[in-house]
Amino acid sequence: MRCFVAEFADDPRFVVLDWQHPGYWFDAAEHVAAEDSEWRVSVYPNGDYYIFLREDFSAGTFGHPLEPTLCVFGERLVNTLGRTLATWLPRKRVNGQPYDRDG
C-alpha cells in the first residue's frame, strides 16, 4: 500500500481486475484513510488471478495463483514495491526471463 500511495500520489487510482468478478476502481489513498481498510481483492493471489493496473497500463501487479507469483511491472513500482518484495520473496523472473541468482 505504501508503494501504491507514495509513487502515485498525483493519482492513486488503479483498475482492479479479478477474472471472476466485475472490475472496479481502487483509490489507494482513500483506502488508507478509511476506517475499515480491508482489501476486497488481495494483491497476492489466493486462488484467483488478480490484477492491479494503472489506467494507462504503465504500471501494476499481476498475481498468478497457480505458480504462485506476483509480477510487478512499470518502472515506478519495480523500483519501490519490486525492490521491497525482493528482500523477502524469491524472484522467479526478471524482465520476463528466468532469474539466475548467479549471474
Protein backbone atom coordinates (compact mmCIF):
# COMPACT_ATOMS: atom_id res chain seq x y z
CA MET A 1 0.00 0.00 0.00
CA ARG A 2 2.84 2.37 0.87
CA CYS A 3 4.30 1.97 -2.62
CA PHE A 4 0.92 2.47 -4.31
CA VAL A 5 0.25 5.69 -2.41
CA ALA A 6 3.78 7.14 -2.37
CA GLU A 7 4.59 6.52 -6.01
CA PHE A 8 1.21 7.61 -7.35
CA ALA A 9 0.28 10.46 -5.01
CA ASP A 10 -0.73 12.55 -8.02
CA ASP A 11 -3.38 9.94 -8.95
CA PRO A 12 -3.55 6.93 -6.61
CA ARG A 13 -6.24 5.11 -8.61
CA PHE A 14 -5.80 1.61 -10.01
CA VAL A 15 -8.14 -0.58 -12.00
CA VAL A 16 -8.59 -3.89 -10.18
CA LEU A 17 -9.42 -6.97 -12.19
CA ASP A 18 -10.42 -10.27 -10.68
CA TRP A 19 -11.15 -12.66 -13.53
CA GLN A 20 -14.36 -13.98 -11.93
CA HIS A 21 -15.84 -10.65 -10.79
CA PRO A 22 -16.52 -7.19 -12.24
CA GLY A 23 -13.52 -4.86 -12.25
CA TYR A 24 -13.54 -1.70 -10.17
CA TRP A 25 -11.53 1.42 -9.40
CA PHE A 26 -9.27 1.23 -6.35
CA ASP A 27 -8.13 4.51 -4.85
CA ALA A 28 -5.12 3.67 -2.68
CA ALA A 29 -5.20 7.00 -0.80
CA GLU A 30 -8.89 6.65 0.08
CA HIS A 31 -8.29 3.07 1.14
CA VAL A 32 -5.54 4.10 3.56
CA ALA A 33 -7.74 6.83 5.05
CA ALA A 34 -10.78 4.55 5.52
CA GLU A 35 -11.65 3.15 8.94
CA ASP A 36 -12.33 -0.30 7.52
CA SER A 37 -9.47 -0.76 5.10
CA GLU A 38 -9.94 -4.46 4.33
CA TRP A 39 -8.93 -5.32 0.76
CA ARG A 40 -11.76 -6.59 -1.46
CA VAL A 41 -9.11 -8.25 -3.63
CA SER A 42 -5.64 -9.16 -2.43
CA VAL A 43 -2.62 -8.08 -4.44
CA TYR A 44 -1.11 -11.52 -3.86
CA PRO A 45 -3.14 -14.33 -5.48
CA ASN A 46 -5.03 -16.64 -3.15
CA GLY A 47 -6.72 -18.85 -5.72
CA ASP A 48 -7.68 -16.32 -8.41
CA TYR A 49 -5.82 -14.14 -10.88
CA TYR A 50 -5.64 -10.57 -9.57
CA ILE A 51 -4.50 -7.52 -11.47
CA PHE A 52 -3.92 -4.01 -10.13
CA LEU A 53 -3.34 -1.79 -13.14
CA ARG A 54 -2.80 1.87 -13.90
CA GLU A 55 -5.37 3.19 -16.36
CA ASP A 56 -2.65 3.81 -18.97
CA PHE A 57 -1.12 0.32 -18.45
CA SER A 58 2.17 1.91 -17.30
CA ALA A 59 2.44 0.02 -14.02
CA GLY A 60 0.73 -2.56 -11.89
CA THR A 61 0.79 -6.04 -10.47
CA PHE A 62 -0.37 -9.40 -11.81
CA GLY A 63 -0.98 -12.17 -9.32
CA HIS A 64 -0.81 -15.70 -10.76
CA PRO A 65 -2.41 -18.25 -8.41
CA LEU A 66 -1.03 -21.43 -9.97
CA GLU A 67 2.67 -20.55 -9.83
CA PRO A 68 2.09 -18.70 -7.23
CA THR A 69 3.77 -15.46 -8.28
CA LEU A 70 3.30 -11.74 -8.18
CA CYS A 71 4.54 -9.84 -11.23
CA VAL A 72 5.36 -6.19 -10.58
CA PHE A 73 5.73 -4.02 -13.68
CA GLY A 74 6.35 -0.40 -14.53
CA GLU A 75 9.49 1.46 -13.52
CA ARG A 76 7.95 3.26 -10.55
CA LEU A 77 6.53 0.12 -8.95
CA VAL A 78 9.52 -2.08 -9.78
CA ASN A 79 11.84 0.42 -8.10
CA THR A 80 9.71 0.54 -4.94
CA LEU A 81 7.38 -2.41 -4.48
CA GLY A 82 9.57 -4.77 -6.51
CA ARG A 83 12.67 -3.96 -4.51
CA THR A 84 10.80 -4.24 -1.22
CA LEU A 85 9.34 -7.64 -2.09
CA ALA A 86 12.70 -8.91 -3.37
CA THR A 87 14.13 -8.54 0.13
CA TRP A 88 11.94 -11.38 1.41
CA LEU A 89 10.36 -13.19 -1.56
CA PRO A 90 12.24 -15.31 -4.11
CA ARG A 91 12.49 -13.99 -7.66
CA LYS A 92 11.32 -16.26 -10.47
CA ARG A 93 11.80 -13.92 -13.44
CA VAL A 94 13.28 -10.53 -14.26
CA ASN A 95 12.15 -8.79 -17.45
CA GLY A 96 10.34 -11.98 -18.46
CA GLN A 97 13.46 -14.15 -18.28
CA PRO A 98 14.17 -16.83 -15.65
CA TYR A 99 16.06 -15.26 -12.78
CA ASP A 100 19.61 -16.55 -12.36
CA ARG A 101 20.89 -15.54 -8.96
CA ASP A 102 24.46 -16.29 -10.03
CA GLY A 103 24.58 -14.07 -13.00
